[in-house]
Amino acid sequence: MTDRGEKIVSLAREMLRADMEVEPAPQKPSISFKVLCFATILSALGGGVVSGWIHEARRPLTRYERVELEALVFYAARQKNLDEKTLRQEIETRTGVSDFADLTETDYLNTKSYLQSQIP
């Protein structure tokens, strides 16, 4: 039993010695602090703007936007003597969505301008 304990202690010592032998760190490129701060601020600002713009285009419609589109579909269908369902299907094929309720912010803007152009 003591032989086993001695082996464990000697193995632990070897592991500790191996951990202490660390290779020297590679030389870091010399960048001034001002440049580093400026790059950090630019990346933070630019990233927020881009991600906000991307997520805004993909967000689902709000209740008010949906009501506005429903009203425009109703009015445009009445003006052109079409069925609302037919007009919705036309919008779905134009935007590439499977259901009228799945429209995003980008689709909303395109659909709104299309419906307004359909009303004489």
PDB file of N, CA and C in Angstrom:
ATOM      1  N   MET A   1       0.823  -1.187   0.000  1.00  0.00           N
ATOM      2  CA  MET A   1       0.000   0.000   0.000  1.00  0.00           C
ATOM      3  C   MET A   1       0.869   1.254   0.000  1.00  0.00           C
ATOM      4  N   THR A   2       2.006   1.211   0.676  1.00  0.00           N
ATOM      5  CA  THR A   2       2.882   2.373   0.690  1.00  0.00           C
ATOM      6  C   THR A   2       3.535   2.568  -0.662  1.00  0.00           C
ATOM      7  N   ASP A   3       3.800   1.462  -1.369  1.00  0.00           N
ATOM      8  CA  ASP A   3       4.378   1.595  -2.711  1.00  0.00           C
ATOM      9  C   ASP A   3       3.426   2.355  -3.630  1.00  0.00           C
ATOM     10  N   ARG A   4       2.165   2.051  -3.527  1.00  0.00           N
ATOM     11  CA  ARG A   4       1.164   2.727  -4.357  1.00  0.00           C
ATOM     12  C   ARG A   4       1.089   4.211  -4.017  1.00  0.00           C
ATOM     13  N   GLY A   5       1.111   4.529  -2.732  1.00  0.00           N
ATOM     14  CA  GLY A   5       1.086   5.918  -2.295  1.00  0.00           C
ATOM     15  C   GLY A   5       2.307   6.674  -2.761  1.00  0.00           C
ATOM     16  N   GLU A   6       3.474   6.027  -2.703  1.00  0.00           N
ATOM     17  CA  GLU A   6       4.703   6.672  -3.162  1.00  0.00           C
ATOM     18  C   GLU A   6       4.660   6.921  -4.661  1.00  0.00           C
ATOM     19  N   LYS A   7       4.088   5.985  -5.412  1.00  0.00           N
ATOM     20  CA  LYS A   7       3.966   6.168  -6.867  1.00  0.00           C
ATOM     21  C   LYS A   7       3.066   7.361  -7.192  1.00  0.00           C
ATOM     22  N   ILE A   8       1.990   7.473  -6.459  1.00  0.00           N
ATOM     23  CA  ILE A   8       1.057   8.590  -6.689  1.00  0.00           C
ATOM     24  C   ILE A   8       1.741   9.914  -6.385  1.00  0.00           C
ATOM     25  N   VAL A   9       2.487   9.956  -5.280  1.00  0.00           N
ATOM     26  CA  VAL A   9       3.180  11.184  -4.909  1.00  0.00           C
ATOM     27  C   VAL A   9       4.241  11.531  -5.954  1.00  0.00           C
ATOM     28  N   SER A  10       4.983  10.544  -6.424  1.00  0.00           N
ATOM     29  CA  SER A  10       6.025  10.827  -7.421  1.00  0.00           C
ATOM     30  C   SER A  10       5.401  11.256  -8.754  1.00  0.00           C
ATOM     31  N   LEU A  11       4.293  10.655  -9.143  1.00  0.00           N
ATOM     32  CA  LEU A  11       3.605  11.068 -10.371  1.00  0.00           C
ATOM     33  C   LEU A  11       3.070  12.486 -10.244  1.00  0.00           C
ATOM     34  N   ALA A  12       2.546  12.832  -9.093  1.00  0.00           N
ATOM     35  CA  ALA A  12       2.033  14.185  -8.882  1.00  0.00           C
ATOM     36  C   ALA A  12       3.163  15.199  -8.963  1.00  0.00           C
ATOM     37  N   ARG A  13       4.325  14.863  -8.404  1.00  0.00           N
ATOM     38  CA  ARG A  13       5.474  15.769  -8.484  1.00  0.00           C
ATOM     39  C   ARG A  13       5.911  15.961  -9.933  1.00  0.00           C
ATOM     40  N   GLU A  14       5.930  14.891 -10.699  1.00  0.00           N
ATOM     41  CA  GLU A  14       6.317  14.999 -12.112  1.00  0.00           C
ATOM     42  C   GLU A  14       5.337  15.867 -12.889  1.00  0.00           C
ATOM     43  N   MET A  15       4.058  15.710 -12.587  1.00  0.00           N
ATOM     44  CA  MET A  15       3.046  16.524 -13.271  1.00  0.00           C
ATOM     45  C   MET A  15       3.209  17.998 -12.927  1.00  0.00           C
ATOM     46  N   LEU A  16       3.507  18.294 -11.651  1.00  0.00           N
ATOM     47  CA  LEU A  16       3.706  19.681 -11.243  1.00  0.00           C
ATOM     48  C   LEU A  16       4.942  20.274 -11.900  1.00  0.00           C
ATOM     49  N   ARG A  17       6.008  19.519 -12.001  1.00  0.00           N
ATOM     50  CA  ARG A  17       7.218  20.003 -12.651  1.00  0.00           C
ATOM     51  C   ARG A  17       6.957  20.264 -14.136  1.00  0.00           C
ATOM     52  N   ALA A  18       6.178  19.381 -14.767  1.00  0.00           N
ATOM     53  CA  ALA A  18       5.876  19.551 -16.195  1.00  0.00           C
ATOM     54  C   ALA A  18       5.031  20.800 -16.416  1.00  0.00           C
ATOM     55  N   ASP A  19       4.100  21.105 -15.486  1.00  0.00           N
ATOM     56  CA  ASP A  19       3.274  22.303 -15.607  1.00  0.00           C
ATOM     57  C   ASP A  19       4.087  23.574 -15.405  1.00  0.00           C
ATOM     58  N   MET A  20       5.121  23.493 -14.592  1.00  0.00           N
ATOM     59  CA  MET A  20       5.931  24.676 -14.327  1.00  0.00           C
ATOM     60  C   MET A  20       6.848  25.017 -15.488  1.00  0.00           C
ATOM     61  N   GLU A  21       7.156  24.067 -16.316  1.00  0.00           N
ATOM     62  CA  GLU A  21       8.014  24.329 -17.469  1.00  0.00           C
ATOM     63  C   GLU A  21       7.155  24.900 -18.599  1.00  0.00           C
ATOM     64  N   VAL A  22       7.066  26.197 -18.633  1.00  0.00           N
ATOM     65  CA  VAL A  22       6.225  26.886 -19.608  1.00  0.00           C
ATOM     66  C   VAL A  22       7.118  27.515 -20.654  1.00  0.00           C
ATOM     67  N   GLU A  23       6.694  27.399 -21.915  1.00  0.00           N
ATOM     68  CA  GLU A  23       7.453  28.022 -22.994  1.00  0.00           C
ATOM     69  C   GLU A  23       7.272  29.532 -22.916  1.00  0.00           C
ATOM     70  N   PRO A  24       8.284  30.282 -23.307  1.00  0.00           N
ATOM     71  CA  PRO A  24       8.137  31.742 -23.283  1.00  0.00           C
ATOM     72  C   PRO A  24       7.064  32.186 -24.266  1.00  0.00           C
ATOM     73  N   ALA A  25       6.349  33.231 -23.874  1.00  0.00           N
ATOM     74  CA  ALA A  25       5.262  33.745 -24.716  1.00  0.00           C
ATOM     75  C   ALA A  25       5.843  34.399 -25.960  1.00  0.00           C
ATOM     76  N   PRO A  26       5.164  34.231 -27.102  1.00  0.00           N
ATOM     77  CA  PRO A  26       5.661  34.867 -28.326  1.00  0.00           C
ATOM     78  C   PRO A  26       5.542  36.390 -28.215  1.00  0.00           C
ATOM     79  N   GLN A  27       6.390  37.084 -28.938  1.00  0.00           N
ATOM     80  CA  GLN A  27       6.381  38.540 -28.921  1.00  0.00           C
ATOM     81  C   GLN A  27       5.076  39.060 -29.514  1.00  0.00           C
ATOM     82  N   LYS A  28       4.455  39.972 -28.830  1.00  0.00           N
ATOM     83  CA  LYS A  28       3.227  40.580 -29.321  1.00  0.00           C
ATOM     84  C   LYS A  28       3.590  41.754 -30.220  1.00  0.00           C
ATOM     85  N   PRO A  29       2.800  41.990 -31.263  1.00  0.00           N
ATOM     86  CA  PRO A  29       3.097  43.155 -32.100  1.00  0.00           C
ATOM     87  C   PRO A  29       2.881  44.433 -31.299  1.00  0.00           C
ATOM     88  N   SER A  30       3.680  45.414 -31.552  1.00  0.00           N
ATOM     89  CA  SER A  30       3.579  46.656 -30.790  1.00  0.00           C
ATOM     90  C   SER A  30       2.535  47.564 -31.434  1.00  0.00           C
ATOM     91  N   ILE A  31       1.425  47.743 -30.740  1.00  0.00           N
ATOM     92  CA  ILE A  31       0.347  48.621 -31.175  1.00  0.00           C
ATOM     93  C   ILE A  31       0.137  49.641 -30.063  1.00  0.00           C
ATOM     94  N   SER A  32       0.010  50.878 -30.444  1.00  0.00           N
ATOM     95  CA  SER A  32      -0.175  51.893 -29.412  1.00  0.00           C
ATOM     96  C   SER A  32      -1.549  51.736 -28.769  1.00  0.00           C
ATOM     97  N   PHE A  33      -1.647  52.215 -27.570  1.00  0.00           N
ATOM     98  CA  PHE A  33      -2.885  52.106 -26.807  1.00  0.00           C
ATOM     99  C   PHE A  33      -4.015  52.882 -27.486  1.00  0.00           C
ATOM    100  N   LYS A  34      -3.698  54.042 -28.053  1.00  0.00           N
ATOM    101  CA  LYS A  34      -4.717  54.846 -28.723  1.00  0.00           C
ATOM    102  C   LYS A  34      -5.303  54.113 -29.924  1.00  0.00           C
ATOM    103  N   VAL A  35      -4.439  53.477 -30.694  1.00  0.00           N
ATOM    104  CA  VAL A  35      -4.910  52.735 -31.868  1.00  0.00           C
ATOM    105  C   VAL A  35      -5.788  51.569 -31.435  1.00  0.00           C
ATOM    106  N   LEU A  36      -5.387  50.885 -30.389  1.00  0.00           N
ATOM    107  CA  LEU A  36      -6.169  49.763 -29.884  1.00  0.00           C
ATOM    108  C   LEU A  36      -7.545  50.217 -29.398  1.00  0.00           C
ATOM    109  N   CYS A  37      -7.590  51.338 -28.656  1.00  0.00           N
ATOM    110  CA  CYS A  37      -8.875  51.866 -28.193  1.00  0.00           C
ATOM    111  C   CYS A  37      -9.749  52.301 -29.359  1.00  0.00           C
ATOM    112  N   PHE A  38      -9.157  52.962 -30.331  1.00  0.00           N
ATOM    113  CA  PHE A  38      -9.901  53.419 -31.496  1.00  0.00           C
ATOM    114  C   PHE A  38     -10.488  52.238 -32.274  1.00  0.00           C
ATOM    115  N   ALA A  39      -9.688  51.191 -32.469  1.00  0.00           N
ATOM    116  CA  ALA A  39     -10.162  50.005 -33.184  1.00  0.00           C
ATOM    117  C   ALA A  39     -11.288  49.319 -32.417  1.00  0.00           C
ATOM    118  N   THR A  40     -11.175  49.285 -31.107  1.00  0.00           N
ATOM    119  CA  THR A  40     -12.215  48.660 -30.286  1.00  0.00           C
ATOM    120  C   THR A  40     -13.523  49.436 -30.380  1.00  0.00           C
ATOM    121  N   ILE A  41     -13.444  50.747 -30.312  1.00  0.00           N
ATOM    122  CA  ILE A  41     -14.657  51.577 -30.393  1.00  0.00           C
ATOM    123  C   ILE A  41     -15.300  51.447 -31.767  1.00  0.00           C
ATOM    124  N   LEU A  42     -14.483  51.471 -32.820  1.00  0.00           N
ATOM    125  CA  LEU A  42     -15.034  51.330 -34.168  1.00  0.00           C
ATOM    126  C   LEU A  42     -15.717  49.985 -34.370  1.00  0.00           C
ATOM    127  N   SER A  43     -15.088  48.933 -33.888  1.00  0.00           N
ATOM    128  CA  SER A  43     -15.701  47.618 -34.070  1.00  0.00           C
ATOM    129  C   SER A  43     -16.982  47.487 -33.269  1.00  0.00           C
ATOM    130  N   ALA A  44     -17.015  48.076 -32.075  1.00  0.00           N
ATOM    131  CA  ALA A  44     -18.240  48.016 -31.260  1.00  0.00           C
ATOM    132  C   ALA A  44     -19.362  48.811 -31.900  1.00  0.00           C
ATOM    133  N   LEU A  45     -19.065  50.002 -32.376  1.00  0.00           N
ATOM    134  CA  LEU A  45     -20.099  50.827 -33.001  1.00  0.00           C
ATOM    135  C   LEU A  45     -20.565  50.224 -34.317  1.00  0.00           C
ATOM    136  N   GLY A  46     -19.630  49.805 -35.129  1.00  0.00           N
ATOM    137  CA  GLY A  46     -19.989  49.229 -36.426  1.00  0.00           C
ATOM    138  C   GLY A  46     -20.757  47.945 -36.292  1.00  0.00           C
ATOM    139  N   GLY A  47     -20.373  47.110 -35.355  1.00  0.00           N
ATOM    140  CA  GLY A  47     -21.067  45.847 -35.146  1.00  0.00           C
ATOM    141  C   GLY A  47     -22.494  46.049 -34.685  1.00  0.00           C
ATOM    142  N   GLY A  48     -22.698  47.034 -33.815  1.00  0.00           N
ATOM    143  CA  GLY A  48     -24.052  47.304 -33.333  1.00  0.00           C
ATOM    144  C   GLY A  48     -24.951  47.824 -34.422  1.00  0.00           C
ATOM    145  N   VAL A  49     -24.417  48.677 -35.266  1.00  0.00           N
ATOM    146  CA  VAL A  49     -25.215  49.234 -36.363  1.00  0.00           C
ATOM    147  C   VAL A  49     -25.592  48.145 -37.353  1.00  0.00           C
ATOM    148  N   VAL A  50     -24.613  47.330 -37.724  1.00  0.00           N
ATOM    149  CA  VAL A  50     -24.875  46.276 -38.705  1.00  0.00           C
ATOM    150  C   VAL A  50     -25.828  45.240 -38.147  1.00  0.00           C
ATOM    151  N   SER A  51     -25.604  44.792 -36.917  1.00  0.00           N
ATOM    152  CA  SER A  51     -26.494  43.770 -36.365  1.00  0.00           C
ATOM    153  C   SER A  51     -27.898  44.323 -36.143  1.00  0.00           C
ATOM    154  N   GLY A  52     -28.003  45.589 -35.747  1.00  0.00           N
ATOM    155  CA  GLY A  52     -29.328  46.193 -35.592  1.00  0.00           C
ATOM    156  C   GLY A  52     -30.059  46.276 -36.909  1.00  0.00           C
ATOM    157  N   TRP A  53     -29.341  46.628 -37.957  1.00  0.00           N
ATOM    158  CA  TRP A  53     -29.947  46.729 -39.279  1.00  0.00           C
ATOM    159  C   TRP A  53     -30.379  45.353 -39.782  1.00  0.00           C
ATOM    160  N   ILE A  54     -29.564  44.337 -39.565  1.00  0.00           N
ATOM    161  CA  ILE A  54     -29.897  42.985 -40.017  1.00  0.00           C
ATOM    162  C   ILE A  54     -31.115  42.458 -39.262  1.00  0.00           C
ATOM    163  N   HIS A  55     -31.118  42.629 -37.945  1.00  0.00           N
ATOM    164  CA  HIS A  55     -32.230  42.101 -37.151  1.00  0.00           C
ATOM    165  C   HIS A  55     -33.518  42.879 -37.398  1.00  0.00           C
ATOM    166  N   GLU A  56     -33.402  44.156 -37.708  1.00  0.00           N
ATOM    167  CA  GLU A  56     -34.602  44.938 -38.005  1.00  0.00           C
ATOM    168  C   GLU A  56     -35.272  44.415 -39.271  1.00  0.00           C
ATOM    169  N   ALA A  57     -34.477  44.000 -40.246  1.00  0.00           N
ATOM    170  CA  ALA A  57     -35.040  43.508 -41.497  1.00  0.00           C
ATOM    171  C   ALA A  57     -35.694  42.143 -41.324  1.00  0.00           C
ATOM    172  N   ARG A  58     -35.291  41.392 -40.311  1.00  0.00           N
ATOM    173  CA  ARG A  58     -35.815  40.041 -40.120  1.00  0.00           C
ATOM    174  C   ARG A  58     -36.881  39.934 -39.051  1.00  0.00           C
ATOM    175  N   ARG A  59     -37.171  41.006 -38.386  1.00  0.00           N
ATOM    176  CA  ARG A  59     -38.127  40.914 -37.280  1.00  0.00           C
ATOM    177  C   ARG A  59     -39.539  40.698 -37.810  1.00  0.00           C
ATOM    178  N   PRO A  60     -40.387  40.020 -37.034  1.00  0.00           N
ATOM    179  CA  PRO A  60     -41.779  39.852 -37.463  1.00  0.00           C
ATOM    180  C   PRO A  60     -42.527  41.172 -37.374  1.00  0.00           C
ATOM    181  N   LEU A  61     -43.639  41.227 -38.054  1.00  0.00           N
ATOM    182  CA  LEU A  61     -44.432  42.458 -38.067  1.00  0.00           C
ATOM    183  C   LEU A  61     -45.104  42.690 -36.721  1.00  0.00           C
ATOM    184  N   THR A  62     -45.274  43.951 -36.389  1.00  0.00           N
ATOM    185  CA  THR A  62     -46.036  44.277 -35.190  1.00  0.00           C
ATOM    186  C   THR A  62     -47.527  44.160 -35.503  1.00  0.00           C
ATOM    187  N   ARG A  63     -48.327  44.221 -34.495  1.00  0.00           N
ATOM    188  CA  ARG A  63     -49.776  44.113 -34.674  1.00  0.00           C
ATOM    189  C   ARG A  63     -50.295  45.257 -35.543  1.00  0.00           C
ATOM    190  N   TYR A  64     -49.756  46.443 -35.353  1.00  0.00           N
ATOM    191  CA  TYR A  64     -50.225  47.614 -36.113  1.00  0.00           C
ATOM    192  C   TYR A  64     -49.826  47.527 -37.590  1.00  0.00           C
ATOM    193  N   GLU A  65     -48.644  47.016 -37.843  1.00  0.00           N
ATOM    194  CA  GLU A  65     -48.220  46.837 -39.240  1.00  0.00           C
ATOM    195  C   GLU A  65     -49.092  45.792 -39.939  1.00  0.00           C
ATOM    196  N   ARG A  66     -49.411  44.727 -39.202  1.00  0.00           N
ATOM    197  CA  ARG A  66     -50.274  43.689 -39.762  1.00  0.00           C
ATOM    198  C   ARG A  66     -51.667  44.236 -40.077  1.00  0.00           C
ATOM    199  N   VAL A  67     -52.211  45.049 -39.170  1.00  0.00           N
ATOM    200  CA  VAL A  67     -53.525  45.658 -39.387  1.00  0.00           C
ATOM    201  C   VAL A  67     -53.482  46.593 -40.584  1.00  0.00           C
ATOM    202  N   GLU A  68     -52.393  47.349 -40.713  1.00  0.00           N
ATOM    203  CA  GLU A  68     -52.265  48.258 -41.847  1.00  0.00           C
ATOM    204  C   GLU A  68     -52.236  47.498 -43.171  1.00  0.00           C
ATOM    205  N   LEU A  69     -51.493  46.382 -43.211  1.00  0.00           N
ATOM    206  CA  LEU A  69     -51.456  45.593 -44.443  1.00  0.00           C
ATOM    207  C   LEU A  69     -52.813  44.966 -44.742  1.00  0.00           C
ATOM    208  N   GLU A  70     -53.487  44.488 -43.705  1.00  0.00           N
ATOM    209  CA  GLU A  70     -54.817  43.910 -43.906  1.00  0.00           C
ATOM    210  C   GLU A  70     -55.771  44.951 -44.487  1.00  0.00           C
ATOM    211  N   ALA A  71     -55.695  46.175 -43.983  1.00  0.00           N
ATOM    212  CA  ALA A  71     -56.557  47.243 -44.493  1.00  0.00           C
ATOM    213  C   ALA A  71     -56.201  47.589 -45.937  1.00  0.00           C
ATOM    214  N   LEU A  72     -54.907  47.627 -46.250  1.00  0.00           N
ATOM    215  CA  LEU A  72     -54.496  47.909 -47.622  1.00  0.00           C
ATOM    216  C   LEU A  72     -54.915  46.800 -48.577  1.00  0.00           C
ATOM    217  N   VAL A  73     -54.816  45.551 -48.129  1.00  0.00           N
ATOM    218  CA  VAL A  73     -55.263  44.424 -48.962  1.00  0.00           C
ATOM    219  C   VAL A  73     -56.757  44.528 -49.215  1.00  0.00           C
ATOM    220  N   PHE A  74     -57.516  44.809 -48.162  1.00  0.00           N
ATOM    221  CA  PHE A  74     -58.961  44.945 -48.304  1.00  0.00           C
ATOM    222  C   PHE A  74     -59.311  46.054 -49.297  1.00  0.00           C
ATOM    223  N   TYR A  75     -58.689  47.219 -49.128  1.00  0.00           N
ATOM    224  CA  TYR A  75     -59.006  48.366 -49.980  1.00  0.00           C
ATOM    225  C   TYR A  75     -58.556  48.132 -51.422  1.00  0.00           C
ATOM    226  N   ALA A  76     -57.346  47.580 -51.605  1.00  0.00           N
ATOM    227  CA  ALA A  76     -56.847  47.325 -52.969  1.00  0.00           C
ATOM    228  C   ALA A  76     -57.692  46.270 -53.667  1.00  0.00           C
ATOM    229  N   ALA A  77     -58.131  45.257 -52.926  1.00  0.00           N
ATOM    230  CA  ALA A  77     -58.974  44.220 -53.522  1.00  0.00           C
ATOM    231  C   ALA A  77     -60.312  44.807 -53.955  1.00  0.00           C
ATOM    232  N   ARG A  78     -60.874  45.677 -53.174  1.00  0.00           N
ATOM    233  CA  ARG A  78     -62.145  46.305 -53.540  1.00  0.00           C
ATOM    234  C   ARG A  78     -61.973  47.220 -54.756  1.00  0.00           C
ATOM    235  N   GLN A  79     -60.877  47.938 -54.816  1.00  0.00           N
ATOM    236  CA  GLN A  79     -60.638  48.853 -55.933  1.00  0.00           C
ATOM    237  C   GLN A  79     -60.412  48.115 -57.251  1.00  0.00           C
ATOM    238  N   LYS A  80     -59.786  46.944 -57.190  1.00  0.00           N
ATOM    239  CA  LYS A  80     -59.483  46.192 -58.409  1.00  0.00           C
ATOM    240  C   LYS A  80     -60.508  45.083 -58.686  1.00  0.00           C
ATOM    241  N   ASN A  81     -61.540  44.994 -57.847  1.00  0.00           N
ATOM    242  CA  ASN A  81     -62.561  43.952 -57.973  1.00  0.00           C
ATOM    243  C   ASN A  81     -61.944  42.550 -57.928  1.00  0.00           C
ATOM    244  N   LEU A  82     -61.074  42.350 -56.967  1.00  0.00           N
ATOM    245  CA  LEU A  82     -60.435  41.050 -56.747  1.00  0.00           C
ATOM    246  C   LEU A  82     -60.856  40.486 -55.400  1.00  0.00           C
ATOM    247  N   ASP A  83     -60.602  39.204 -55.249  1.00  0.00           N
ATOM    248  CA  ASP A  83     -60.818  38.561 -53.962  1.00  0.00           C
ATOM    249  C   ASP A  83     -59.593  38.839 -53.083  1.00  0.00           C
ATOM    250  N   GLU A  84     -59.804  39.065 -51.789  1.00  0.00           N
ATOM    251  CA  GLU A  84     -58.679  39.349 -50.884  1.00  0.00           C
ATOM    252  C   GLU A  84     -57.702  38.180 -50.834  1.00  0.00           C
ATOM    253  N   LYS A  85     -58.233  36.965 -50.882  1.00  0.00           N
ATOM    254  CA  LYS A  85     -57.375  35.782 -50.825  1.00  0.00           C
ATOM    255  C   LYS A  85     -56.445  35.737 -52.037  1.00  0.00           C
ATOM    256  N   THR A  86     -56.957  36.088 -53.196  1.00  0.00           N
ATOM    257  CA  THR A  86     -56.141  36.111 -54.414  1.00  0.00           C
ATOM    258  C   THR A  86     -55.034  37.147 -54.296  1.00  0.00           C
ATOM    259  N   LEU A  87     -55.359  38.301 -53.776  1.00  0.00           N
ATOM    260  CA  LEU A  87     -54.362  39.355 -53.612  1.00  0.00           C
ATOM    261  C   LEU A  87     -53.306  38.957 -52.580  1.00  0.00           C
ATOM    262  N   ARG A  88     -53.726  38.294 -51.511  1.00  0.00           N
ATOM    263  CA  ARG A  88     -52.756  37.811 -50.515  1.00  0.00           C
ATOM    264  C   ARG A  88     -51.814  36.783 -51.129  1.00  0.00           C
ATOM    265  N   GLN A  89     -52.357  35.870 -51.943  1.00  0.00           N
ATOM    266  CA  GLN A  89     -51.516  34.866 -52.591  1.00  0.00           C
ATOM    267  C   GLN A  89     -50.527  35.517 -53.558  1.00  0.00           C
ATOM    268  N   GLU A  90     -50.950  36.561 -54.225  1.00  0.00           N
ATOM    269  CA  GLU A  90     -50.062  37.291 -55.124  1.00  0.00           C
ATOM    270  C   GLU A  90     -48.920  37.932 -54.342  1.00  0.00           C
ATOM    271  N   ILE A  91     -49.238  38.487 -53.182  1.00  0.00           N
ATOM    272  CA  ILE A  91     -48.212  39.092 -52.327  1.00  0.00           C
ATOM    273  C   ILE A  91     -47.259  38.019 -51.808  1.00  0.00           C
ATOM    274  N   GLU A  92     -47.799  36.865 -51.423  1.00  0.00           N
ATOM    275  CA  GLU A  92     -46.954  35.768 -50.938  1.00  0.00           C
ATOM    276  C   GLU A  92     -45.970  35.310 -52.002  1.00  0.00           C
ATOM    277  N   THR A  93     -46.429  35.209 -53.256  1.00  0.00           N
ATOM    278  CA  THR A  93     -45.515  34.798 -54.325  1.00  0.00           C
ATOM    279  C   THR A  93     -44.491  35.894 -54.626  1.00  0.00           C
ATOM    280  N   ARG A  94     -44.887  37.152 -54.545  1.00  0.00           N
ATOM    281  CA  ARG A  94     -43.947  38.260 -54.792  1.00  0.00           C
ATOM    282  C   ARG A  94     -42.858  38.321 -53.723  1.00  0.00           C
ATOM    283  N   THR A  95     -43.233  38.095 -52.462  1.00  0.00           N
ATOM    284  CA  THR A  95     -42.266  38.187 -51.372  1.00  0.00           C
ATOM    285  C   THR A  95     -41.544  36.875 -51.089  1.00  0.00           C
ATOM    286  N   GLY A  96     -42.107  35.761 -51.533  1.00  0.00           N
ATOM    287  CA  GLY A  96     -41.468  34.465 -51.320  1.00  0.00           C
ATOM    288  C   GLY A  96     -41.733  33.858 -49.952  1.00  0.00           C
ATOM    289  N   VAL A  97     -42.811  34.270 -49.287  1.00  0.00           N
ATOM    290  CA  VAL A  97     -43.166  33.677 -47.997  1.00  0.00           C
ATOM    291  C   VAL A  97     -44.270  32.654 -48.208  1.00  0.00           C
ATOM    292  N   SER A  98     -44.361  31.712 -47.302  1.00  0.00           N
ATOM    293  CA  SER A  98     -45.374  30.672 -47.449  1.00  0.00           C
ATOM    294  C   SER A  98     -46.734  31.094 -46.914  1.00  0.00           C
ATOM    295  N   ASP A  99     -46.747  32.054 -46.000  1.00  0.00           N
ATOM    296  CA  ASP A  99     -48.000  32.512 -45.421  1.00  0.00           C
ATOM    297  C   ASP A  99     -47.942  34.025 -45.243  1.00  0.00           C
ATOM    298  N   PHE A 100     -49.053  34.677 -45.418  1.00  0.00           N
ATOM    299  CA  PHE A 100     -49.129  36.134 -45.310  1.00  0.00           C
ATOM    300  C   PHE A 100     -48.714  36.606 -43.913  1.00  0.00           C
ATOM    301  N   ALA A 101     -48.953  35.784 -42.904  1.00  0.00           N
ATOM    302  CA  ALA A 101     -48.616  36.151 -41.527  1.00  0.00           C
ATOM    303  C   ALA A 101     -47.111  36.076 -41.255  1.00  0.00           C
ATOM    304  N   ASP A 102     -46.336  35.462 -42.155  1.00  0.00           N
ATOM    305  CA  ASP A 102     -44.893  35.313 -41.953  1.00  0.00           C
ATOM    306  C   ASP A 102     -44.071  36.454 -42.535  1.00  0.00           C
ATOM    307  N   LEU A 103     -44.711  37.544 -42.919  1.00  0.00           N
ATOM    308  CA  LEU A 103     -43.978  38.657 -43.509  1.00  0.00           C
ATOM    309  C   LEU A 103     -43.051  39.296 -42.474  1.00  0.00           C
ATOM    310  N   THR A 104     -41.891  39.768 -42.943  1.00  0.00           N
ATOM    311  CA  THR A 104     -40.937  40.452 -42.076  1.00  0.00           C
ATOM    312  C   THR A 104     -40.986  41.944 -42.359  1.00  0.00           C
ATOM    313  N   GLU A 105     -40.120  42.699 -41.687  1.00  0.00           N
ATOM    314  CA  GLU A 105     -40.094  44.153 -41.857  1.00  0.00           C
ATOM    315  C   GLU A 105     -39.783  44.546 -43.292  1.00  0.00           C
ATOM    316  N   THR A 106     -38.828  43.871 -43.907  1.00  0.00           N
ATOM    317  CA  THR A 106     -38.486  44.173 -45.300  1.00  0.00           C
ATOM    318  C   THR A 106     -39.659  43.863 -46.222  1.00  0.00           C
ATOM    319  N   ASP A 107     -40.295  42.714 -45.997  1.00  0.00           N
ATOM    320  CA  ASP A 107     -41.462  42.348 -46.794  1.00  0.00           C
ATOM    321  C   ASP A 107     -42.590  43.354 -46.589  1.00  0.00           C
ATOM    322  N   TYR A 108     -42.718  43.852 -45.372  1.00  0.00           N
ATOM    323  CA  TYR A 108     -43.762  44.831 -45.056  1.00  0.00           C
ATOM    324  C   TYR A 108     -43.600  46.086 -45.906  1.00  0.00           C
ATOM    325  N   LEU A 109     -42.380  46.598 -45.954  1.00  0.00           N
ATOM    326  CA  LEU A 109     -42.143  47.820 -46.728  1.00  0.00           C
ATOM    327  C   LEU A 109     -42.410  47.600 -48.218  1.00  0.00           C
ATOM    328  N   ASN A 110     -41.944  46.467 -48.745  1.00  0.00           N
ATOM    329  CA  ASN A 110     -42.176  46.162 -50.165  1.00  0.00           C
ATOM    330  C   ASN A 110     -43.658  45.952 -50.455  1.00  0.00           C
ATOM    331  N   THR A 111     -44.335  45.223 -49.576  1.00  0.00           N
ATOM    332  CA  THR A 111     -45.765  44.944 -49.769  1.00  0.00           C
ATOM    333  C   THR A 111     -46.588  46.221 -49.666  1.00  0.00           C
ATOM    334  N   LYS A 112     -46.232  47.072 -48.722  1.00  0.00           N
ATOM    335  CA  LYS A 112     -46.961  48.329 -48.555  1.00  0.00           C
ATOM    336  C   LYS A 112     -46.846  49.202 -49.809  1.00  0.00           C
ATOM    337  N   SER A 113     -45.643  49.325 -50.342  1.00  0.00           N
ATOM    338  CA  SER A 113     -45.479  50.139 -51.557  1.00  0.00           C
ATOM    339  C   SER A 113     -46.180  49.495 -52.747  1.00  0.00           C
ATOM    340  N   TYR A 114     -46.154  48.158 -52.835  1.00  0.00           N
ATOM    341  CA  TYR A 114     -46.857  47.475 -53.933  1.00  0.00           C
ATOM    342  C   TYR A 114     -48.361  47.694 -53.836  1.00  0.00           C
ATOM    343  N   LEU A 115     -48.922  47.539 -52.635  1.00  0.00           N
ATOM    344  CA  LEU A 115     -50.368  47.718 -52.479  1.00  0.00           C
ATOM    345  C   LEU A 115     -50.784  49.159 -52.734  1.00  0.00           C
ATOM    346  N   GLN A 116     -49.963  50.100 -52.311  1.00  0.00           N
ATOM    347  CA  GLN A 116     -50.292  51.501 -52.566  1.00  0.00           C
ATOM    348  C   GLN A 116     -50.227  51.824 -54.051  1.00  0.00           C
ATOM    349  N   SER A 117     -49.353  51.125 -54.776  1.00  0.00           N
ATOM    350  CA  SER A 117     -49.302  51.355 -56.220  1.00  0.00           C
ATOM    351  C   SER A 117     -50.506  50.714 -56.940  1.00  0.00           C
ATOM    352  N   GLN A 118     -51.125  49.741 -56.307  1.00  0.00           N
ATOM    353  CA  GLN A 118     -52.289  49.070 -56.906  1.00  0.00           C
ATOM    354  C   GLN A 118     -53.562  49.889 -56.751  1.00  0.00           C
ATOM    355  N   ILE A 119     -53.552  50.814 -55.817  1.00  0.00           N
ATOM    356  CA  ILE A 119     -54.741  51.637 -55.579  1.00  0.00           C
ATOM    357  C   ILE A 119     -54.673  52.852 -56.497  1.00  0.00           C
ATOM    358  N   PRO A 120     -55.695  53.025 -57.358  1.00  0.00           N
ATOM    359  CA  PRO A 120     -55.656  54.165 -58.275  1.00  0.00           C
ATOM    360  C   PRO A 120     -55.886  55.499 -57.588  1.00  0.00           C
TER     361      PRO A 120
END
